[in-house]
PDB file of N, CA and C in Angstrom:
ATOM      1  N   MET A   1      17.462  -6.747  11.731  1.00  0.00           N
ATOM      2  CA  MET A   1      17.002  -7.111  10.054  1.00  0.00           C
ATOM      3  C   MET A   1      17.041  -5.499   9.721  1.00  0.00           C
ATOM      4  N   GLU A   2      17.514  -5.471   8.277  1.00  0.00           N
ATOM      5  CA  GLU A   2      18.076  -4.292   7.623  1.00  0.00           C
ATOM      6  C   GLU A   2      16.813  -3.384   7.729  1.00  0.00           C
ATOM      7  N   VAL A   3      15.695  -4.115   7.192  1.00  0.00           N
ATOM      8  CA  VAL A   3      14.572  -3.222   7.063  1.00  0.00           C
ATOM      9  C   VAL A   3      13.873  -2.507   8.106  1.00  0.00           C
ATOM     10  N   LEU A   4      14.166  -3.009   9.327  1.00  0.00           N
ATOM     11  CA  LEU A   4      13.969  -2.306  10.602  1.00  0.00           C
ATOM     12  C   LEU A   4      14.787  -1.237  10.911  1.00  0.00           C
ATOM     13  N   GLN A   5      15.889  -1.349  10.527  1.00  0.00           N
ATOM     14  CA  GLN A   5      17.120  -0.465  10.591  1.00  0.00           C
ATOM     15  C   GLN A   5      16.717   0.670   9.628  1.00  0.00           C
ATOM     16  N   LEU A   6      16.559   0.472   8.671  1.00  0.00           N
ATOM     17  CA  LEU A   6      16.042   1.269   7.536  1.00  0.00           C
ATOM     18  C   LEU A   6      14.938   2.283   8.013  1.00  0.00           C
ATOM     19  N   VAL A   7      13.651   1.877   8.807  1.00  0.00           N
ATOM     20  CA  VAL A   7      12.682   2.238   9.015  1.00  0.00           C
ATOM     21  C   VAL A   7      13.033   3.340   9.963  1.00  0.00           C
ATOM     22  N   GLU A   8      13.940   2.725  11.053  1.00  0.00           N
ATOM     23  CA  GLU A   8      14.113   3.510  12.501  1.00  0.00           C
ATOM     24  C   GLU A   8      15.077   4.745  11.902  1.00  0.00           C
ATOM     25  N   ALA A   9      16.166   4.533  11.125  1.00  0.00           N
ATOM     26  CA  ALA A   9      16.833   5.767  10.523  1.00  0.00           C
ATOM     27  C   ALA A   9      15.693   6.793   9.824  1.00  0.00           C
ATOM     28  N   SER A  10      14.699   6.163   8.951  1.00  0.00           N
ATOM     29  CA  SER A  10      14.009   7.027   8.237  1.00  0.00           C
ATOM     30  C   SER A  10      13.136   7.793   9.017  1.00  0.00           C
ATOM     31  N   PHE A  11      12.534   7.236   9.922  1.00  0.00           N
ATOM     32  CA  PHE A  11      11.353   7.643  10.787  1.00  0.00           C
ATOM     33  C   PHE A  11      11.661   7.554  12.308  1.00  0.00           C
ATOM     34  N   PRO A  12      12.619   8.333  13.107  1.00  0.00           N
ATOM     35  CA  PRO A  12      13.003   7.886  14.076  1.00  0.00           C
ATOM     36  C   PRO A  12      11.907   8.343  15.170  1.00  0.00           C
ATOM     37  N   ASP A  13      10.794   9.195  15.058  1.00  0.00           N
ATOM     38  CA  ASP A  13       9.646   9.315  15.865  1.00  0.00           C
ATOM     39  C   ASP A  13       8.844   8.190  15.973  1.00  0.00           C
ATOM     40  N   ALA A  14       9.015   7.231  15.298  1.00  0.00           N
ATOM     41  CA  ALA A  14       7.931   5.727  15.190  1.00  0.00           C
ATOM     42  C   ALA A  14       8.743   5.173  16.511  1.00  0.00           C
ATOM     43  N   THR A  15       7.724   4.547  16.981  1.00  0.00           N
ATOM     44  CA  THR A  15       8.218   3.214  18.178  1.00  0.00           C
ATOM     45  C   THR A  15       8.043   2.205  17.772  1.00  0.00           C
ATOM     46  N   LEU A  16       8.958   1.176  18.017  1.00  0.00           N
ATOM     47  CA  LEU A  16       9.008  -0.265  17.864  1.00  0.00           C
ATOM     48  C   LEU A  16       8.136  -1.109  18.961  1.00  0.00           C
ATOM     49  N   ASP A  17       7.227  -1.591  18.025  1.00  0.00           N
ATOM     50  CA  ASP A  17       6.117  -2.567  18.728  1.00  0.00           C
ATOM     51  C   ASP A  17       6.049  -3.751  18.253  1.00  0.00           C
ATOM     52  N   TRP A  18       5.325  -4.775  18.856  1.00  0.00           N
ATOM     53  CA  TRP A  18       5.049  -6.089  18.004  1.00  0.00           C
ATOM     54  C   TRP A  18       3.414  -6.147  17.631  1.00  0.00           C
ATOM     55  N   ALA A  19       3.088  -6.564  16.516  1.00  0.00           N
ATOM     56  CA  ALA A  19       1.668  -6.775  15.969  1.00  0.00           C
ATOM     57  C   ALA A  19       1.666  -8.076  14.958  1.00  0.00           C
ATOM     58  N   TYR A  20       0.730  -8.832  15.087  1.00  0.00           N
ATOM     59  CA  TYR A  20       0.711 -10.065  14.319  1.00  0.00           C
ATOM     60  C   TYR A  20       1.932 -10.523  14.318  1.00  0.00           C
ATOM     61  N   ARG A  21       2.449 -10.911  15.397  1.00  0.00           N
ATOM     62  CA  ARG A  21       3.836 -11.690  15.855  1.00  0.00           C
ATOM     63  C   ARG A  21       4.928 -11.382  15.023  1.00  0.00           C
ATOM     64  N   MET A  22       5.034  -9.821  14.619  1.00  0.00           N
ATOM     65  CA  MET A  22       6.060  -9.402  14.042  1.00  0.00           C
ATOM     66  C   MET A  22       6.595  -8.162  14.039  1.00  0.00           C
ATOM     67  N   PRO A  23       7.779  -7.709  14.243  1.00  0.00           N
ATOM     68  CA  PRO A  23       8.201  -6.330  14.591  1.00  0.00           C
ATOM     69  C   PRO A  23       7.553  -5.297  13.795  1.00  0.00           C
ATOM     70  N   ALA A  24       6.971  -4.339  14.466  1.00  0.00           N
ATOM     71  CA  ALA A  24       6.010  -3.246  13.861  1.00  0.00           C
ATOM     72  C   ALA A  24       6.330  -1.843  14.657  1.00  0.00           C
ATOM     73  N   PHE A  25       6.322  -0.808  13.499  1.00  0.00           N
ATOM     74  CA  PHE A  25       6.564   0.650  14.039  1.00  0.00           C
ATOM     75  C   PHE A  25       5.263   1.261  13.901  1.00  0.00           C
ATOM     76  N   LYS A  26       5.115   1.951  14.786  1.00  0.00           N
ATOM     77  CA  LYS A  26       3.981   2.663  14.974  1.00  0.00           C
ATOM     78  C   LYS A  26       4.323   4.271  15.035  1.00  0.00           C
ATOM     79  N   TYR A  27       3.190   5.046  14.786  1.00  0.00           N
ATOM     80  CA  TYR A  27       3.293   6.362  15.012  1.00  0.00           C
ATOM     81  C   TYR A  27       2.107   7.095  15.651  1.00  0.00           C
ATOM     82  N   LYS A  28       2.201   7.584  16.476  1.00  0.00           N
ATOM     83  CA  LYS A  28       0.831   8.006  17.270  1.00  0.00           C
ATOM     84  C   LYS A  28       0.147   7.082  17.513  1.00  0.00           C
ATOM     85  N   GLY A  29       0.614   5.649  17.826  1.00  0.00           N
ATOM     86  CA  GLY A  29      -0.348   4.650  17.984  1.00  0.00           C
ATOM     87  C   GLY A  29      -1.072   3.811  16.756  1.00  0.00           C
ATOM     88  N   LYS A  30      -0.630   4.581  15.480  1.00  0.00           N
ATOM     89  CA  LYS A  30      -1.117   3.969  14.699  1.00  0.00           C
ATOM     90  C   LYS A  30      -0.012   3.170  13.914  1.00  0.00           C
ATOM     91  N   PRO A  31      -0.463   2.150  13.190  1.00  0.00           N
ATOM     92  CA  PRO A  31       0.468   1.307  12.189  1.00  0.00           C
ATOM     93  C   PRO A  31       1.216   2.134  11.240  1.00  0.00           C
ATOM     94  N   LEU A  32       2.456   2.020  11.332  1.00  0.00           N
ATOM     95  CA  LEU A  32       3.311   2.648  10.256  1.00  0.00           C
ATOM     96  C   LEU A  32       3.767   1.416   8.919  1.00  0.00           C
ATOM     97  N   VAL A  33       4.460   0.628   9.493  1.00  0.00           N
ATOM     98  CA  VAL A  33       4.680  -0.480   8.618  1.00  0.00           C
ATOM     99  C   VAL A  33       5.296  -1.697   9.544  1.00  0.00           C
ATOM    100  N   TYR A  34       5.341  -2.890   9.340  1.00  0.00           N
ATOM    101  CA  TYR A  34       5.698  -4.189   9.760  1.00  0.00           C
ATOM    102  C   TYR A  34       6.621  -4.872   8.845  1.00  0.00           C
ATOM    103  N   ALA A  35       7.426  -5.795   9.239  1.00  0.00           N
ATOM    104  CA  ALA A  35       8.358  -6.484   8.620  1.00  0.00           C
ATOM    105  C   ALA A  35       8.812  -7.542   9.330  1.00  0.00           C
ATOM    106  N   ALA A  36       9.082  -8.714   8.614  1.00  0.00           N
ATOM    107  CA  ALA A  36       9.552 -10.150   9.020  1.00  0.00           C
ATOM    108  C   ALA A  36      10.343 -10.627   8.032  1.00  0.00           C
ATOM    109  N   GLY A  37      11.245 -11.443   8.602  1.00  0.00           N
ATOM    110  CA  GLY A  37      12.218 -12.225   7.576  1.00  0.00           C
ATOM    111  C   GLY A  37      11.602 -13.652   7.389  1.00  0.00           C
ATOM    112  N   TYR A  38      12.005 -14.295   6.356  1.00  0.00           N
ATOM    113  CA  TYR A  38      11.189 -15.745   6.033  1.00  0.00           C
ATOM    114  C   TYR A  38      12.594 -16.106   5.557  1.00  0.00           C
ATOM    115  N   ALA A  39      12.592 -17.608   5.187  1.00  0.00           N
ATOM    116  CA  ALA A  39      13.115 -18.372   4.786  1.00  0.00           C
ATOM    117  C   ALA A  39      13.914 -17.965   3.436  1.00  0.00           C
ATOM    118  N   LYS A  40      12.864 -17.577   2.345  1.00  0.00           N
ATOM    119  CA  LYS A  40      13.093 -17.093   1.082  1.00  0.00           C
ATOM    120  C   LYS A  40      13.029 -15.447   0.738  1.00  0.00           C
ATOM    121  N   HIS A  41      12.498 -14.810   1.678  1.00  0.00           N
ATOM    122  CA  HIS A  41      12.220 -13.290   1.523  1.00  0.00           C
ATOM    123  C   HIS A  41      11.862 -12.476   2.685  1.00  0.00           C
ATOM    124  N   THR A  42      11.751 -11.437   2.465  1.00  0.00           N
ATOM    125  CA  THR A  42      11.752 -10.495   3.725  1.00  0.00           C
ATOM    126  C   THR A  42      10.072 -10.166   3.376  1.00  0.00           C
ATOM    127  N   GLY A  43       9.374  -9.977   4.285  1.00  0.00           N
ATOM    128  CA  GLY A  43       8.126  -9.165   4.033  1.00  0.00           C
ATOM    129  C   GLY A  43       7.853  -8.085   4.673  1.00  0.00           C
ATOM    130  N   VAL A  44       7.375  -7.212   3.873  1.00  0.00           N
ATOM    131  CA  VAL A  44       7.163  -5.953   4.404  1.00  0.00           C
ATOM    132  C   VAL A  44       5.740  -5.262   4.177  1.00  0.00           C
ATOM    133  N   TYR A  45       4.959  -4.834   5.172  1.00  0.00           N
ATOM    134  CA  TYR A  45       3.632  -4.723   5.200  1.00  0.00           C
ATOM    135  C   TYR A  45       3.543  -3.474   5.729  1.00  0.00           C
ATOM    136  N   ALA A  46       3.185  -2.809   4.629  1.00  0.00           N
ATOM    137  CA  ALA A  46       3.051  -1.088   4.980  1.00  0.00           C
ATOM    138  C   ALA A  46       1.330  -0.660   4.365  1.00  0.00           C
ATOM    139  N   LEU A  47       0.556  -1.584   4.531  1.00  0.00           N
ATOM    140  CA  LEU A  47      -0.966  -1.390   4.567  1.00  0.00           C
ATOM    141  C   LEU A  47      -1.465  -0.857   3.009  1.00  0.00           C
ATOM    142  N   PRO A  48      -2.496  -1.205   2.804  1.00  0.00           N
ATOM    143  CA  PRO A  48      -2.839  -1.013   1.152  1.00  0.00           C
ATOM    144  C   PRO A  48      -2.513   0.143   0.613  1.00  0.00           C
ATOM    145  N   ASN A  49      -2.991   1.331   1.360  1.00  0.00           N
ATOM    146  CA  ASN A  49      -2.824   2.871   0.744  1.00  0.00           C
ATOM    147  C   ASN A  49      -1.746   2.749   0.427  1.00  0.00           C
ATOM    148  N   THR A  50      -0.467   2.509   1.160  1.00  0.00           N
ATOM    149  CA  THR A  50       0.887   2.952   0.504  1.00  0.00           C
ATOM    150  C   THR A  50       1.135   1.977  -0.617  1.00  0.00           C
ATOM    151  N   HIS A  51       0.798   0.638  -1.004  1.00  0.00           N
ATOM    152  CA  HIS A  51       1.050  -0.035  -1.763  1.00  0.00           C
ATOM    153  C   HIS A  51       0.715   0.226  -3.391  1.00  0.00           C
ATOM    154  N   ALA A  52      -0.791   1.121  -2.936  1.00  0.00           N
ATOM    155  CA  ALA A  52      -1.420   1.786  -4.118  1.00  0.00           C
ATOM    156  C   ALA A  52      -0.380   2.504  -4.648  1.00  0.00           C
ATOM    157  N   ALA A  53       0.122   3.559  -3.725  1.00  0.00           N
ATOM    158  CA  ALA A  53       0.694   4.627  -4.156  1.00  0.00           C
ATOM    159  C   ALA A  53       2.034   4.151  -5.041  1.00  0.00           C
ATOM    160  N   PHE A  54       2.591   3.223  -4.515  1.00  0.00           N
ATOM    161  CA  PHE A  54       3.522   2.454  -5.320  1.00  0.00           C
ATOM    162  C   PHE A  54       3.335   1.264  -6.136  1.00  0.00           C
ATOM    163  N   ALA A  55       2.377   1.343  -6.722  1.00  0.00           N
ATOM    164  CA  ALA A  55       1.872   0.090  -7.617  1.00  0.00           C
ATOM    165  C   ALA A  55       2.942  -0.018  -8.869  1.00  0.00           C
ATOM    166  N   GLU A  56       3.326   0.894  -9.598  1.00  0.00           N
ATOM    167  CA  GLU A  56       4.381   0.494 -10.601  1.00  0.00           C
ATOM    168  C   GLU A  56       5.733   0.007 -10.160  1.00  0.00           C
ATOM    169  N   ALA A  57       6.241   0.697  -9.042  1.00  0.00           N
ATOM    170  CA  ALA A  57       7.418   0.233  -8.517  1.00  0.00           C
ATOM    171  C   ALA A  57       7.614  -1.071  -7.983  1.00  0.00           C
ATOM    172  N   LEU A  58       6.492  -1.730  -7.384  1.00  0.00           N
ATOM    173  CA  LEU A  58       6.215  -2.701  -6.633  1.00  0.00           C
ATOM    174  C   LEU A  58       6.020  -4.170  -7.647  1.00  0.00           C
ATOM    175  N   LYS A  59       5.501  -3.723  -8.970  1.00  0.00           N
ATOM    176  CA  LYS A  59       5.091  -4.655  -9.938  1.00  0.00           C
ATOM    177  C   LYS A  59       6.162  -5.955  -9.890  1.00  0.00           C
ATOM    178  N   PRO A  60       7.483  -5.850  -9.782  1.00  0.00           N
ATOM    179  CA  PRO A  60       8.213  -6.988  -9.737  1.00  0.00           C
ATOM    180  C   PRO A  60       8.475  -7.960  -8.972  1.00  0.00           C
ATOM    181  N   TYR A  61       7.618  -7.340  -7.915  1.00  0.00           N
ATOM    182  CA  TYR A  61       7.406  -8.433  -6.355  1.00  0.00           C
ATOM    183  C   TYR A  61       6.169  -8.934  -6.264  1.00  0.00           C
ATOM    184  N   LYS A  62       6.471 -10.198  -5.474  1.00  0.00           N
ATOM    185  CA  LYS A  62       5.213 -10.808  -5.216  1.00  0.00           C
ATOM    186  C   LYS A  62       4.282  -9.883  -4.076  1.00  0.00           C
ATOM    187  N   GLN A  63       3.180  -9.777  -3.969  1.00  0.00           N
ATOM    188  CA  GLN A  63       2.101  -8.909  -3.630  1.00  0.00           C
ATOM    189  C   GLN A  63       0.843  -9.496  -2.806  1.00  0.00           C
ATOM    190  N   GLY A  64       0.728  -9.147  -1.743  1.00  0.00           N
ATOM    191  CA  GLY A  64      -0.873  -9.230  -0.939  1.00  0.00           C
ATOM    192  C   GLY A  64      -1.294  -7.849  -1.042  1.00  0.00           C
ATOM    193  N   LYS A  65      -2.427  -7.645  -0.660  1.00  0.00           N
ATOM    194  CA  LYS A  65      -3.412  -6.272  -0.553  1.00  0.00           C
ATOM    195  C   LYS A  65      -2.448  -5.262  -0.038  1.00  0.00           C
ATOM    196  N   GLY A  66      -1.715  -5.642   1.016  1.00  0.00           N
ATOM    197  CA  GLY A  66      -1.038  -4.649   2.128  1.00  0.00           C
ATOM    198  C   GLY A  66       0.390  -5.260   2.312  1.00  0.00           C
ATOM    199  N   SER A  67       0.856  -6.286   1.656  1.00  0.00           N
ATOM    200  CA  SER A  67       2.260  -6.636   1.890  1.00  0.00           C
ATOM    201  C   SER A  67       2.922  -6.934   0.221  1.00  0.00           C
ATOM    202  N   VAL A  68       4.032  -7.009   0.559  1.00  0.00           N
ATOM    203  CA  VAL A  68       5.099  -7.601  -0.323  1.00  0.00           C
ATOM    204  C   VAL A  68       6.231  -8.141  -0.027  1.00  0.00           C
ATOM    205  N   GLN A  69       6.942  -9.002  -0.821  1.00  0.00           N
ATOM    206  CA  GLN A  69       7.881  -9.802  -0.646  1.00  0.00           C
ATOM    207  C   GLN A  69       8.776  -9.507  -1.519  1.00  0.00           C
ATOM    208  N   PHE A  70       9.959  -9.428  -0.676  1.00  0.00           N
ATOM    209  CA  PHE A  70      11.493  -8.918  -1.276  1.00  0.00           C
ATOM    210  C   PHE A  70      12.475 -10.215  -1.030  1.00  0.00           C
ATOM    211  N   PRO A  71      12.440 -10.872  -2.367  1.00  0.00           N
ATOM    212  CA  PRO A  71      13.537 -12.253  -2.038  1.00  0.00           C
ATOM    213  C   PRO A  71      14.783 -11.691  -1.809  1.00  0.00           C
ATOM    214  N   HIS A  72      15.026 -12.939  -1.025  1.00  0.00           N
ATOM    215  CA  HIS A  72      16.696 -12.794  -0.808  1.00  0.00           C
ATOM    216  C   HIS A  72      17.536 -13.147  -1.742  1.00  0.00           C
ATOM    217  N   ASP A  73      17.373 -13.705  -2.668  1.00  0.00           N
ATOM    218  CA  ASP A  73      18.321 -13.642  -3.750  1.00  0.00           C
ATOM    219  C   ASP A  73      18.346 -12.408  -4.889  1.00  0.00           C
ATOM    220  N   LYS A  74      17.962 -11.287  -4.229  1.00  0.00           N
ATOM    221  CA  LYS A  74      18.035 -10.152  -4.948  1.00  0.00           C
ATOM    222  C   LYS A  74      18.370  -8.811  -3.849  1.00  0.00           C
ATOM    223  N   ALA A  75      18.977  -7.986  -4.296  1.00  0.00           N
ATOM    224  CA  ALA A  75      19.199  -6.815  -3.355  1.00  0.00           C
ATOM    225  C   ALA A  75      17.907  -6.149  -2.856  1.00  0.00           C
ATOM    226  N   LEU A  76      17.959  -5.787  -1.449  1.00  0.00           N
ATOM    227  CA  LEU A  76      16.702  -5.099  -1.058  1.00  0.00           C
ATOM    228  C   LEU A  76      16.356  -3.537  -1.694  1.00  0.00           C
ATOM    229  N   PRO A  77      15.458  -3.351  -2.096  1.00  0.00           N
ATOM    230  CA  PRO A  77      15.392  -1.793  -2.850  1.00  0.00           C
ATOM    231  C   PRO A  77      15.052  -0.925  -1.592  1.00  0.00           C
ATOM    232  N   TYR A  78      16.313  -0.399  -0.901  1.00  0.00           N
ATOM    233  CA  TYR A  78      16.327   0.389  -0.095  1.00  0.00           C
ATOM    234  C   TYR A  78      15.591   1.760  -0.298  1.00  0.00           C
ATOM    235  N   ASP A  79      15.840   2.116  -1.745  1.00  0.00           N
ATOM    236  CA  ASP A  79      15.057   3.453  -2.052  1.00  0.00           C
ATOM    237  C   ASP A  79      13.817   3.407  -1.862  1.00  0.00           C
ATOM    238  N   LEU A  80      13.064   2.336  -2.207  1.00  0.00           N
ATOM    239  CA  LEU A  80      11.747   1.763  -2.349  1.00  0.00           C
ATOM    240  C   LEU A  80      10.921   2.221  -1.328  1.00  0.00           C
ATOM    241  N   ILE A  81      11.617   1.301  -0.096  1.00  0.00           N
ATOM    242  CA  ILE A  81      11.268   0.810   1.010  1.00  0.00           C
ATOM    243  C   ILE A  81      11.135   1.986   1.614  1.00  0.00           C
ATOM    244  N   LYS A  82      12.393   2.901   1.819  1.00  0.00           N
ATOM    245  CA  LYS A  82      12.445   4.209   2.435  1.00  0.00           C
ATOM    246  C   LYS A  82      11.176   5.196   1.869  1.00  0.00           C
ATOM    247  N   ALA A  83      11.065   5.212   0.850  1.00  0.00           N
ATOM    248  CA  ALA A  83       9.712   5.812   0.046  1.00  0.00           C
ATOM    249  C   ALA A  83       8.620   5.629   0.569  1.00  0.00           C
ATOM    250  N   MET A  84       8.383   4.145   0.436  1.00  0.00           N
ATOM    251  CA  MET A  84       7.199   3.896   0.957  1.00  0.00           C
ATOM    252  C   MET A  84       6.718   4.608   2.511  1.00  0.00           C
ATOM    253  N   VAL A  85       8.008   4.094   3.465  1.00  0.00           N
ATOM    254  CA  VAL A  85       7.528   4.555   4.853  1.00  0.00           C
ATOM    255  C   VAL A  85       7.564   5.935   4.686  1.00  0.00           C
ATOM    256  N   LEU A  86       8.313   6.932   4.337  1.00  0.00           N
ATOM    257  CA  LEU A  86       7.930   8.387   4.205  1.00  0.00           C
ATOM    258  C   LEU A  86       6.412   8.561   3.693  1.00  0.00           C
ATOM    259  N   ASN A  87       6.204   7.916   2.754  1.00  0.00           N
ATOM    260  CA  ASN A  87       4.945   8.084   2.094  1.00  0.00           C
ATOM    261  C   ASN A  87       4.215   8.060   3.265  1.00  0.00           C
ATOM    262  N   ARG A  88       3.904   6.877   3.768  1.00  0.00           N
ATOM    263  CA  ARG A  88       3.002   6.373   5.074  1.00  0.00           C
ATOM    264  C   ARG A  88       3.085   7.394   6.435  1.00  0.00           C
ATOM    265  N   ARG A  89       4.189   7.779   6.437  1.00  0.00           N
ATOM    266  CA  ARG A  89       4.841   8.765   7.632  1.00  0.00           C
ATOM    267  C   ARG A  89       3.834  10.250   7.341  1.00  0.00           C
ATOM    268  N   VAL A  90       3.732  10.737   6.224  1.00  0.00           N
ATOM    269  CA  VAL A  90       3.059  11.831   5.927  1.00  0.00           C
ATOM    270  C   VAL A  90       1.567  11.532   5.666  1.00  0.00           C
ATOM    271  N   SER A  91       1.111  10.180   5.347  1.00  0.00           N
ATOM    272  CA  SER A  91      -0.540  10.256   5.495  1.00  0.00           C
ATOM    273  C   SER A  91      -0.854  10.002   6.879  1.00  0.00           C
ATOM    274  N   LEU A  92       0.096   9.412   8.077  1.00  0.00           N
ATOM    275  CA  LEU A  92      -0.412   9.541   9.246  1.00  0.00           C
ATOM    276  C   LEU A  92      -0.357  10.885  10.103  1.00  0.00           C
ATOM    277  N   GLN A  93       0.687  11.593   9.535  1.00  0.00           N
ATOM    278  CA  GLN A  93       0.814  13.150  10.020  1.00  0.00           C
ATOM    279  C   GLN A  93      -0.364  13.956   9.663  1.00  0.00           C
ATOM    280  N   LYS A  94      -1.224  13.677   8.619  1.00  0.00           N
ATOM    281  CA  LYS A  94      -2.074  14.752   8.036  1.00  0.00           C
ATOM    282  C   LYS A  94      -3.202  14.602   9.266  1.00  0.00           C
ATOM    283  N   PRO A  95      -3.773  15.968   9.453  1.00  0.00           N
ATOM    284  CA  PRO A  95      -4.732  16.028  10.593  1.00  0.00           C
ATOM    285  C   PRO A  95      -6.011  15.299  10.012  1.00  0.00           C
ATOM    286  N   ALA A  96      -7.072  14.534  11.063  1.00  0.00           N
ATOM    287  CA  ALA A  96      -8.055  14.004  10.567  1.00  0.00           C
ATOM    288  C   ALA A  96      -8.995  15.161  10.237  1.00  0.00           C
ATOM    289  N   SER A  97      -9.939  14.465   9.132  1.00  0.00           N
ATOM    290  CA  SER A  97     -10.730  15.550   8.717  1.00  0.00           C
ATOM    291  C   SER A  97     -12.022  15.412   9.337  1.00  0.00           C
TER     292      SER A  97
END
């Protein structure tokens, strides 16, 4: 899946695992991003705080609280997905307060 390759290339320190019956990348045991392919779309689950940070860019896509659907009849927005993953990475790297 292209999304998984993009995440892996953007964040090589992440580990590939499974969660909710789909591939998931984790960083230091915490969820980074999940992704799954479906008949009509690719679902990316980057958790609600990441979606809030990209609310404007995600407006054209169907969304849930922490999910977004990228339809197969349009090109994947690689730059957007990469920016979301990098944003999530930064939030996971911050020391706990």
